[in-house]
């Protein structure tokens, strides 16, 4: 199967770039927000921690 390499770093390295829970807190993400979308590609860095907020 052919696929195109995205150029993203490995997931292990990627996880060192962000503190997702803190980033979401700084963005004001709370359980008062009914709907939000994690737009883009990647490893779900913000999607999974964000699902715990709702």
Protein backbone atom coordinates (compact mmCIF):
# COMPACT_ATOMS: atom_id res chain seq x y z
CA UNK A 1 0.00 0.00 0.00
CA UNK A 2 1.35 3.40 -0.93
CA UNK A 3 0.88 6.35 1.37
CA UNK A 4 2.27 9.82 1.68
CA UNK A 5 4.47 10.58 4.67
CA UNK A 6 3.04 13.61 6.49
CA UNK A 7 6.38 14.81 7.81
CA UNK A 8 5.04 14.88 11.37
CA UNK A 9 7.50 13.88 14.09
CA UNK A 10 7.01 10.58 15.86
CA UNK A 11 4.14 10.46 18.34
CA UNK A 12 6.60 10.13 21.23
CA UNK A 13 8.40 13.33 20.23
CA UNK A 14 5.13 15.12 19.40
CA UNK A 15 3.85 14.51 22.95
CA UNK A 16 6.76 16.57 24.32
CA UNK A 17 5.66 19.70 22.41
CA UNK A 18 2.38 20.44 24.23
CA UNK A 19 0.59 20.19 27.55
CA UNK A 20 -2.88 19.67 26.07
CA UNK A 21 -4.89 20.09 29.29
CA UNK A 22 -3.08 23.33 30.16
CA UNK A 23 -3.42 24.65 26.60
CA UNK A 24 -7.15 23.97 26.60
CA UNK A 25 -7.48 25.66 30.00
CA UNK A 26 -5.62 28.74 28.75
CA UNK A 27 -7.95 28.84 25.74
CA UNK A 28 -10.92 28.97 28.10
CA UNK A 29 -12.31 25.57 27.20
CA UNK A 30 -14.83 24.58 29.87
CA UNK A 31 -17.79 22.24 30.13
CA UNK A 32 -20.05 25.27 29.45
CA UNK A 33 -19.09 25.01 25.77
CA UNK A 34 -21.57 22.72 24.04
CA UNK A 35 -19.60 21.98 20.87
CA UNK A 36 -16.01 22.29 19.79
CA UNK A 37 -14.00 20.75 17.02
CA UNK A 38 -10.38 19.63 16.86
CA UNK A 39 -9.61 20.60 13.27
CA UNK A 40 -6.63 19.12 11.54
CA UNK A 41 -4.64 15.99 11.37
CA UNK A 42 -2.39 14.41 13.87
CA UNK A 43 -2.42 12.22 16.89
CA UNK A 44 -5.52 13.57 18.69
CA UNK A 45 -3.35 15.63 21.02
CA UNK A 46 -6.19 17.97 22.02
CA UNK A 47 -9.22 15.88 21.10
CA UNK A 48 -8.84 13.24 23.79
CA UNK A 49 -8.04 15.60 26.72
CA UNK A 50 -10.81 17.88 25.48
CA UNK A 51 -13.33 15.08 25.63
CA UNK A 52 -12.76 14.93 29.37
CA UNK A 53 -13.84 18.57 29.72
CA UNK A 54 -17.28 18.06 28.23
